[in-house]
C-alpha atoms as a PDB file:
ATOM      1  CA  GLY A   1      33.976  44.973  55.054  1.00  0.00           C
ATOM      2  CA  THR A   2      31.037  43.312  55.446  1.00  0.00           C
ATOM      3  CA  VAL A   3      31.074  40.073  56.593  1.00  0.00           C
ATOM      4  CA  VAL A   4      29.170  36.798  55.032  1.00  0.00           C
ATOM      5  CA  LYS A   5      28.045  33.189  54.856  1.00  0.00           C
ATOM      6  CA  LYS A   6      28.872  30.920  52.456  1.00  0.00           C
ATOM      7  CA  GLY A   7      26.054  31.178  49.137  1.00  0.00           C
ATOM      8  CA  GLU A   8      25.381  34.181  50.415  1.00  0.00           C
ATOM      9  CA  LEU A   9      24.407  36.704  47.242  1.00  0.00           C
ATOM     10  CA  LEU A  10      27.502  39.135  47.073  1.00  0.00           C
ATOM     11  CA  VAL A  11      26.768  40.769  43.506  1.00  0.00           C
ATOM     12  CA  GLU A  12      23.809  40.315  40.867  1.00  0.00           C
ATOM     13  CA  LEU A  13      24.049  41.628  37.252  1.00  0.00           C
ATOM     14  CA  ASP A  14      21.533  42.907  34.976  1.00  0.00           C
ATOM     15  CA  ALA A  15      19.556  40.054  33.653  1.00  0.00           C
ATOM     16  CA  SER A  16      17.120  41.538  32.076  1.00  0.00           C
ATOM     17  CA  THR A  17      17.573  40.939  28.651  1.00  0.00           C
ATOM     18  CA  LEU A  18      18.491  37.435  29.458  1.00  0.00           C
ATOM     19  CA  ASP A  19      15.405  36.896  31.307  1.00  0.00           C
ATOM     20  CA  ASP A  20      13.495  37.241  27.833  1.00  0.00           C
ATOM     21  CA  ASN A  21      15.644  35.837  25.643  1.00  0.00           C
ATOM     22  CA  LYS A  22      14.952  32.385  27.861  1.00  0.00           C
ATOM     23  CA  ILE A  23      11.405  33.119  27.820  1.00  0.00           C
ATOM     24  CA  ASP A  24      11.911  33.195  23.820  1.00  0.00           C
ATOM     25  CA  GLN A  25      13.999  30.039  23.985  1.00  0.00           C
ATOM     26  CA  GLU A  26      11.397  28.345  26.205  1.00  0.00           C
ATOM     27  CA  ILE A  27       8.869  29.237  23.356  1.00  0.00           C
ATOM     28  CA  ARG A  28      10.956  27.810  21.083  1.00  0.00           C
ATOM     29  CA  VAL A  29      11.788  24.580  22.452  1.00  0.00           C
ATOM     30  CA  GLN A  30       8.777  23.881  23.417  1.00  0.00           C
ATOM     31  CA  ASN A  31       7.773  24.168  19.484  1.00  0.00           C
ATOM     32  CA  ALA A  32      10.994  22.456  18.663  1.00  0.00           C
ATOM     33  CA  GLU A  33       9.952  19.410  21.249  1.00  0.00           C
ATOM     34  CA  ALA A  34       6.059  19.746  19.817  1.00  0.00           C
ATOM     35  CA  SER A  35       7.435  19.207  16.141  1.00  0.00           C
ATOM     36  CA  PHE A  36       9.795  16.026  17.033  1.00  0.00           C
ATOM     37  CA  ILE A  37       6.935  14.347  19.165  1.00  0.00           C
ATOM     38  CA  ASN A  38       4.752  14.334  16.042  1.00  0.00           C
ATOM     39  CA  ALA A  39       6.582  13.892  13.378  1.00  0.00           C
ATOM     40  CA  LYS A  40       7.646  10.348  15.584  1.00  0.00           C
ATOM     41  CA  GLU A  41       4.323   9.341  15.699  1.00  0.00           C
ATOM     42  CA  ASN A  42       4.020  10.547  11.903  1.00  0.00           C
ATOM     43  CA  LEU A  43       6.593   7.803  11.202  1.00  0.00           C
ATOM     44  CA  ALA A  44       4.640   5.604  13.185  1.00  0.00           C
ATOM     45  CA  VAL A  45       1.964   5.932  11.250  1.00  0.00           C
ATOM     46  CA  VAL A  46       3.590   5.863   7.861  1.00  0.00           C
ATOM     47  CA  GLU A  47       5.449   2.358   8.892  1.00  0.00           C
ATOM     48  CA  ASN A  48       1.600   1.657   9.157  1.00  0.00           C
ATOM     49  CA  GLN A  49       0.140   2.468   6.395  1.00  0.00           C
ATOM     50  CA  ALA A  50       3.407   1.015   4.220  1.00  0.00           C
ATOM     51  CA  LYS A  51       2.631  -2.000   5.578  1.00  0.00           C
ATOM     52  CA  SER A  52      -0.473  -2.032   5.142  1.00  0.00           C
ATOM     53  CA  ASP A  53      -0.392  -1.528   1.397  1.00  0.00           C
ATOM     54  CA  VAL A  54       2.120  -2.957   0.776  1.00  0.00           C
ATOM     55  CA  ASP A  55      -0.298  -6.228   2.011  1.00  0.00           C
ATOM     56  CA  LEU A  56      -3.168  -5.237   0.221  1.00  0.00           C
ATOM     57  CA  ALA A  57      -0.796  -4.940  -3.086  1.00  0.00           C
ATOM     58  CA  THR A  58       0.210  -8.352  -2.253  1.00  0.00           C
ATOM     59  CA  LEU A  59      -2.644 -10.117  -1.894  1.00  0.00           C
ATOM     60  CA  LYS A  60      -4.308  -8.569  -5.045  1.00  0.00           C
ATOM     61  CA  LEU A  61      -1.572 -10.051  -6.915  1.00  0.00           C
ATOM     62  CA  ASP A  62      -2.075 -13.415  -5.094  1.00  0.00           C
ATOM     63  CA  PHE A  63      -6.084 -13.052  -6.213  1.00  0.00           C
ATOM     64  CA  ALA A  64      -4.641 -12.633  -9.624  1.00  0.00           C
ATOM     65  CA  ARG A  65      -2.560 -15.705  -9.613  1.00  0.00           C
ATOM     66  CA  GLN A  66      -4.736 -17.331  -7.981  1.00  0.00           C
ATOM     67  CA  ASP A  67      -7.650 -16.040 -10.967  1.00  0.00           C
ATOM     68  CA  LEU A  68      -5.444 -16.871 -13.622  1.00  0.00           C
ATOM     69  CA  LYS A  69      -4.509 -20.762 -12.123  1.00  0.00           C
ATOM     70  CA  LYS A  70      -8.414 -21.427 -11.649  1.00  0.00           C
ATOM     71  CA  TYR A  71      -9.348 -20.212 -15.610  1.00  0.00           C
ATOM     72  CA  LEU A  72      -6.556 -22.857 -16.257  1.00  0.00           C
ATOM     73  CA  GLU A  73      -6.950 -25.888 -14.553  1.00  0.00           C
ATOM     74  CA  GLY A  74     -10.924 -25.497 -13.406  1.00  0.00           C
ATOM     75  CA  GLU A  75     -12.853 -23.541 -15.676  1.00  0.00           C
ATOM     76  CA  TYR A  76     -11.673 -23.767 -19.049  1.00  0.00           C
ATOM     77  CA  PRO A  77     -11.221 -27.399 -18.979  1.00  0.00           C
ATOM     78  CA  ASN A  78     -14.829 -27.880 -17.371  1.00  0.00           C
ATOM     79  CA  GLU A  79     -15.919 -25.762 -20.443  1.00  0.00           C
ATOM     80  CA  LEU A  80     -13.767 -27.631 -22.403  1.00  0.00           C
ATOM     81  CA  ARG A  81     -15.230 -30.803 -21.402  1.00  0.00           C
ATOM     82  CA  LYS A  82     -18.934 -29.632 -21.553  1.00  0.00           C
ATOM     83  CA  THR A  83     -18.846 -28.111 -25.158  1.00  0.00           C
ATOM     84  CA  GLN A  84     -17.194 -31.273 -26.273  1.00  0.00           C
ATOM     85  CA  ALA A  85     -20.181 -33.209 -24.679  1.00  0.00           C
ATOM     86  CA  ASP A  86     -22.776 -31.371 -25.994  1.00  0.00           C
ATOM     87  CA  ILE A  87     -20.604 -31.801 -29.664  1.00  0.00           C
ATOM     88  CA  THR A  88     -20.742 -35.421 -28.556  1.00  0.00           C
ATOM     89  CA  LEU A  89     -24.323 -35.722 -27.646  1.00  0.00           C
ATOM     90  CA  LYS A  90     -25.672 -33.297 -30.992  1.00  0.00           C
ATOM     91  CA  GLN A  91     -23.936 -35.752 -33.081  1.00  0.00           C
ATOM     92  CA  GLU A  92     -25.481 -38.574 -31.690  1.00  0.00           C
ATOM     93  CA  GLU A  93     -29.081 -36.789 -31.788  1.00  0.00           C
ATOM     94  CA  LEU A  94     -27.882 -36.324 -35.434  1.00  0.00           C
ATOM     95  CA  THR A  95     -27.306 -39.803 -36.527  1.00  0.00           C
ATOM     96  CA  ARG A  96     -30.614 -40.929 -34.735  1.00  0.00           C
ATOM     97  CA  ALA A  97     -32.561 -38.329 -36.681  1.00  0.00           C
ATOM     98  CA  GLN A  98     -31.101 -39.395 -39.449  1.00  0.00           C
ATOM     99  CA  GLU A  99     -31.299 -43.413 -39.063  1.00  0.00           C
ATOM    100  CA  THR A 100     -35.263 -42.504 -38.010  1.00  0.00           C
ATOM    101  CA  LEU A 101     -34.849 -40.222 -41.709  1.00  0.00           C
ATOM    102  CA  LYS A 102     -33.853 -42.927 -44.007  1.00  0.00           C
ATOM    103  CA  TRP A 103     -36.497 -45.750 -42.296  1.00  0.00           C
ATOM    104  CA  SER A 104     -39.537 -42.617 -42.987  1.00  0.00           C
ATOM    105  CA  GLN A 105     -38.691 -42.281 -46.318  1.00  0.00           C
ATOM    106  CA  LYS A 106     -38.829 -46.466 -46.698  1.00  0.00           C
ATOM    107  CA  LEU A 107     -42.204 -46.254 -45.017  1.00  0.00           C
ATOM    108  CA  TYR A 108     -43.659 -43.546 -47.520  1.00  0.00           C
ATOM    109  CA  ASP A 109     -41.783 -44.878 -50.432  1.00  0.00           C
ATOM    110  CA  GLU A 110     -43.759 -47.814 -49.507  1.00  0.00           C
ATOM    111  CA  LYS A 111     -47.024 -45.834 -48.247  1.00  0.00           C
ATOM    112  CA  TYR A 112     -47.062 -46.393 -44.882  1.00  0.00           C
ATOM    113  CA  LEU A 113     -45.872 -43.146 -44.074  1.00  0.00           C
ATOM    114  CA  SER A 114     -47.817 -40.027 -44.919  1.00  0.00           C
ATOM    115  CA  GLN A 115     -46.086 -37.042 -46.386  1.00  0.00           C
ATOM    116  CA  THR A 116     -46.726 -34.875 -43.006  1.00  0.00           C
ATOM    117  CA  GLU A 117     -44.943 -38.000 -40.964  1.00  0.00           C
ATOM    118  CA  LEU A 118     -42.056 -37.711 -43.336  1.00  0.00           C
ATOM    119  CA  LEU A 119     -41.693 -33.412 -43.564  1.00  0.00           C
ATOM    120  CA  GLY A 120     -41.407 -33.861 -39.332  1.00  0.00           C
ATOM    121  CA  ASP A 121     -38.798 -36.366 -39.541  1.00  0.00           C
ATOM    122  CA  GLN A 122     -37.155 -34.087 -42.551  1.00  0.00           C
ATOM    123  CA  LEU A 123     -37.249 -31.098 -40.386  1.00  0.00           C
ATOM    124  CA  ALA A 124     -35.951 -32.762 -37.193  1.00  0.00           C
ATOM    125  CA  GLU A 125     -32.924 -34.007 -39.308  1.00  0.00           C
ATOM    126  CA  LYS A 126     -32.385 -30.123 -40.300  1.00  0.00           C
ATOM    127  CA  ARG A 127     -33.079 -29.043 -36.463  1.00  0.00           C
ATOM    128  CA  TYR A 128     -30.263 -32.023 -34.934  1.00  0.00           C
ATOM    129  CA  SER A 129     -27.854 -31.140 -38.218  1.00  0.00           C
ATOM    130  CA  LEU A 130     -27.628 -27.053 -36.810  1.00  0.00           C
ATOM    131  CA  ASP A 131     -27.411 -27.921 -33.346  1.00  0.00           C
ATOM    132  CA  LEU A 132     -23.948 -29.674 -33.468  1.00  0.00           C
ATOM    133  CA  GLU A 133     -23.074 -27.149 -36.522  1.00  0.00           C
ATOM    134  CA  THR A 134     -23.668 -24.458 -33.444  1.00  0.00           C
ATOM    135  CA  ALA A 135     -22.238 -26.549 -31.018  1.00  0.00           C
ATOM    136  CA  LYS A 136     -18.997 -26.781 -33.122  1.00  0.00           C
ATOM    137  CA  ASN A 137     -18.888 -23.042 -33.263  1.00  0.00           C
ATOM    138  CA  ASN A 138     -19.134 -22.756 -29.473  1.00  0.00           C
ATOM    139  CA  LEU A 139     -15.919 -24.929 -29.090  1.00  0.00           C
ATOM    140  CA  ASP A 140     -14.633 -23.031 -32.373  1.00  0.00           C
ATOM    141  CA  LEU A 141     -14.898 -19.646 -29.916  1.00  0.00           C
ATOM    142  CA  LEU A 142     -14.267 -20.712 -26.789  1.00  0.00           C
ATOM    143  CA  THR A 143     -10.315 -22.071 -28.295  1.00  0.00           C
ATOM    144  CA  ASN A 144      -9.488 -19.893 -30.476  1.00  0.00           C
ATOM    145  CA  PHE A 145     -11.365 -16.836 -29.179  1.00  0.00           C
ATOM    146  CA  THR A 146     -12.750 -17.080 -25.522  1.00  0.00           C
ATOM    147  CA  TYR A 147      -9.827 -19.221 -24.113  1.00  0.00           C
ATOM    148  CA  GLN A 148      -6.924 -16.685 -25.957  1.00  0.00           C
ATOM    149  CA  ARG A 149      -9.031 -13.363 -24.916  1.00  0.00           C
ATOM    150  CA  GLU A 150      -9.707 -14.707 -20.801  1.00  0.00           C
ATOM    151  CA  LEU A 151      -5.726 -16.002 -20.543  1.00  0.00           C
ATOM    152  CA  ALA A 152      -4.221 -13.049 -22.113  1.00  0.00           C
ATOM    153  CA  GLN A 153      -6.880 -10.928 -19.498  1.00  0.00           C
ATOM    154  CA  LEU A 154      -5.293 -12.909 -16.440  1.00  0.00           C
ATOM    155  CA  GLU A 155      -2.198 -12.830 -17.587  1.00  0.00           C
ATOM    156  CA  SER A 156      -1.800  -9.217 -17.854  1.00  0.00           C
ATOM    157  CA  ASP A 157      -4.004  -8.962 -14.432  1.00  0.00           C
ATOM    158  CA  VAL A 158      -1.279 -10.860 -13.194  1.00  0.00           C
ATOM    159  CA  SER A 159       1.584  -8.837 -14.774  1.00  0.00           C
ATOM    160  CA  GLN A 160      -0.253  -5.580 -13.796  1.00  0.00           C
ATOM    161  CA  ALA A 161      -0.576  -6.683  -9.864  1.00  0.00           C
ATOM    162  CA  ASP A 162       3.014  -8.081  -9.771  1.00  0.00           C
ATOM    163  CA  MET A 163       3.487  -4.340 -11.223  1.00  0.00           C
ATOM    164  CA  ALA A 164       1.703  -2.244  -8.772  1.00  0.00           C
ATOM    165  CA  LEU A 165       3.494  -4.266  -5.899  1.00  0.00           C
ATOM    166  CA  GLU A 166       6.756  -3.266  -7.079  1.00  0.00           C
ATOM    167  CA  ARG A 167       5.134   0.810  -7.104  1.00  0.00           C
ATOM    168  CA  THR A 168       3.484   0.044  -3.844  1.00  0.00           C
ATOM    169  CA  THR A 169       6.757  -1.744  -2.031  1.00  0.00           C
ATOM    170  CA  ARG A 170       9.062   1.606  -3.599  1.00  0.00           C
ATOM    171  CA  LYS A 171       6.944   4.131  -2.945  1.00  0.00           C
ATOM    172  CA  ALA A 172       6.110   2.644   1.095  1.00  0.00           C
ATOM    173  CA  ASN A 173       9.741   2.837   1.421  1.00  0.00           C
ATOM    174  CA  ALA A 174      10.587   6.098   0.238  1.00  0.00           C
ATOM    175  CA  ASN A 175       7.865   7.559   2.544  1.00  0.00           C
ATOM    176  CA  VAL A 176       9.427   5.481   5.286  1.00  0.00           C
ATOM    177  CA  VAL A 177      12.657   7.019   4.681  1.00  0.00           C
ATOM    178  CA  GLN A 178      11.571   9.891   4.474  1.00  0.00           C
ATOM    179  CA  ALA A 179       9.479  10.302   7.858  1.00  0.00           C
ATOM    180  CA  LYS A 180      12.683   8.773   9.469  1.00  0.00           C
ATOM    181  CA  ALA A 181      14.907  11.905   7.797  1.00  0.00           C
ATOM    182  CA  ASP A 182      11.875  13.811   9.028  1.00  0.00           C
ATOM    183  CA  LEU A 183      12.249  12.396  12.674  1.00  0.00           C
ATOM    184  CA  LYS A 184      16.295  12.834  12.577  1.00  0.00           C
ATOM    185  CA  ALA A 185      15.860  16.350  11.853  1.00  0.00           C
ATOM    186  CA  LYS A 186      13.182  17.517  13.894  1.00  0.00           C
ATOM    187  CA  GLU A 187      15.448  15.583  16.570  1.00  0.00           C
ATOM    188  CA  ALA A 188      18.395  17.204  15.693  1.00  0.00           C
ATOM    189  CA  GLU A 189      16.412  20.695  15.875  1.00  0.00           C
ATOM    190  CA  TYR A 190      14.769  19.870  19.201  1.00  0.00           C
ATOM    191  CA  LYS A 191      18.314  19.205  20.911  1.00  0.00           C
ATOM    192  CA  ARG A 192      19.907  22.275  19.140  1.00  0.00           C
ATOM    193  CA  GLN A 193      17.207  24.229  20.739  1.00  0.00           C
ATOM    194  CA  ASP A 194      17.457  23.241  24.006  1.00  0.00           C
ATOM    195  CA  ASP A 195      21.331  23.120  24.353  1.00  0.00           C
ATOM    196  CA  LYS A 196      20.479  26.992  23.777  1.00  0.00           C
ATOM    197  CA  LEU A 197      17.891  26.708  26.478  1.00  0.00           C
ATOM    198  CA  GLU A 198      20.578  25.263  28.553  1.00  0.00           C
ATOM    199  CA  LYS A 199      23.752  27.971  27.975  1.00  0.00           C
ATOM    200  CA  ILE A 200      21.272  30.921  28.426  1.00  0.00           C
ATOM    201  CA  ASN A 201      20.155  28.916  31.872  1.00  0.00           C
ATOM    202  CA  ASP A 202      24.394  28.539  32.439  1.00  0.00           C
ATOM    203  CA  GLN A 203      24.476  32.441  31.729  1.00  0.00           C
ATOM    204  CA  LEU A 204      21.600  33.928  34.160  1.00  0.00           C
ATOM    205  CA  GLU A 205      22.994  31.664  36.887  1.00  0.00           C
ATOM    206  CA  LYS A 206      26.783  33.383  35.918  1.00  0.00           C
ATOM    207  CA  THR A 207      25.068  36.836  36.862  1.00  0.00           C
ATOM    208  CA  ARG A 208      24.778  36.267  40.772  1.00  0.00           C
ATOM    209  CA  ILE A 209      27.725  35.883  42.967  1.00  0.00           C
ATOM    210  CA  GLU A 210      27.504  34.155  45.776  1.00  0.00           C
ATOM    211  CA  ALA A 211      30.104  33.205  48.664  1.00  0.00           C
ATOM    212  CA  PRO A 212      32.331  30.915  48.318  1.00  0.00           C
ATOM    213  CA  ALA A 213      32.953  30.099  51.975  1.00  0.00           C
ATOM    214  CA  ASP A 214      32.852  32.146  55.253  1.00  0.00           C
ATOM    215  CA  GLY A 215      34.686  35.621  55.974  1.00  0.00           C
ATOM    216  CA  LEU A 216      34.541  38.846  55.039  1.00  0.00           C
ATOM    217  CA  VAL A 217      33.993  40.583  51.672  1.00  0.00           C
ATOM    218  CA  ALA A 218      37.293  42.835  50.253  1.00  0.00           C
ATOM    219  CA  VAL A 219      37.210  44.426  46.840  1.00  0.00           C
ATOM    220  CA  PRO A 220      41.050  44.428  45.743  1.00  0.00           C
ATOM    221  CA  LYS A 221      41.812  47.883  44.823  1.00  0.00           C
ATOM    222  CA  LYS A 222      43.207  48.823  41.366  1.00  0.00           C
ATOM    223  CA  GLU A 223      47.328  49.428  40.966  1.00  0.00           C
ATOM    224  CA  ARG A 224      47.962  52.756  40.653  1.00  0.00           C
ATOM    225  CA  PRO A 225      49.960  53.591  37.868  1.00  0.00           C
ATOM    226  CA  ALA A 226      53.567  54.269  38.131  1.00  0.00           C
ATOM    227  CA  ALA A 227      54.899  57.794  37.997  1.00  0.00           C
ATOM    228  CA  GLY A 228      57.204  59.115  35.079  1.00  0.00           C
END
């Protein structure tokens, strides 16, 4: 029999349990949102780190290839020419020493040169002969040992760097995929918890019954059961 206006509260149900649930759910939503934001930031960090790791591995492979090319086209040919030139020089020095010794021997035989001077020229010829032998040994070491070892090492460096790049790329891609999956899961959890909060808020709204229009409040009587 009460006269009311539109929007005036008519009935309010006990919502204490829903209020407690709302507080708990708001905390869950905040935690889920924080996890979602962290996952988003983590994805950005992982993508940045992945690019950095791949770029570094690519750079190391480029350097390894450059070192191999530098040795094959620069260092080794230069060292080879230098060693060959040293042999030529030592050969010329030995030839002059042999010519000198030949004339010294003639002059010594004709008593124009002392034995000491002849001995000096003989020693010079032996020294240049040893120098030539050493130069030839250096060439042999360079072509048959040093070159083979350096080439094998540099080629191995290229191969190792190439495999390292592949491993780094695979790992980087896997990390990015994992980070994206984690972000997707955190986003889904955040949405799920937010939906739950929305449902609780909807239930809370329904605990208050307001007048739909101006008028008189009337409570319908319960129908009595028919007499048997």
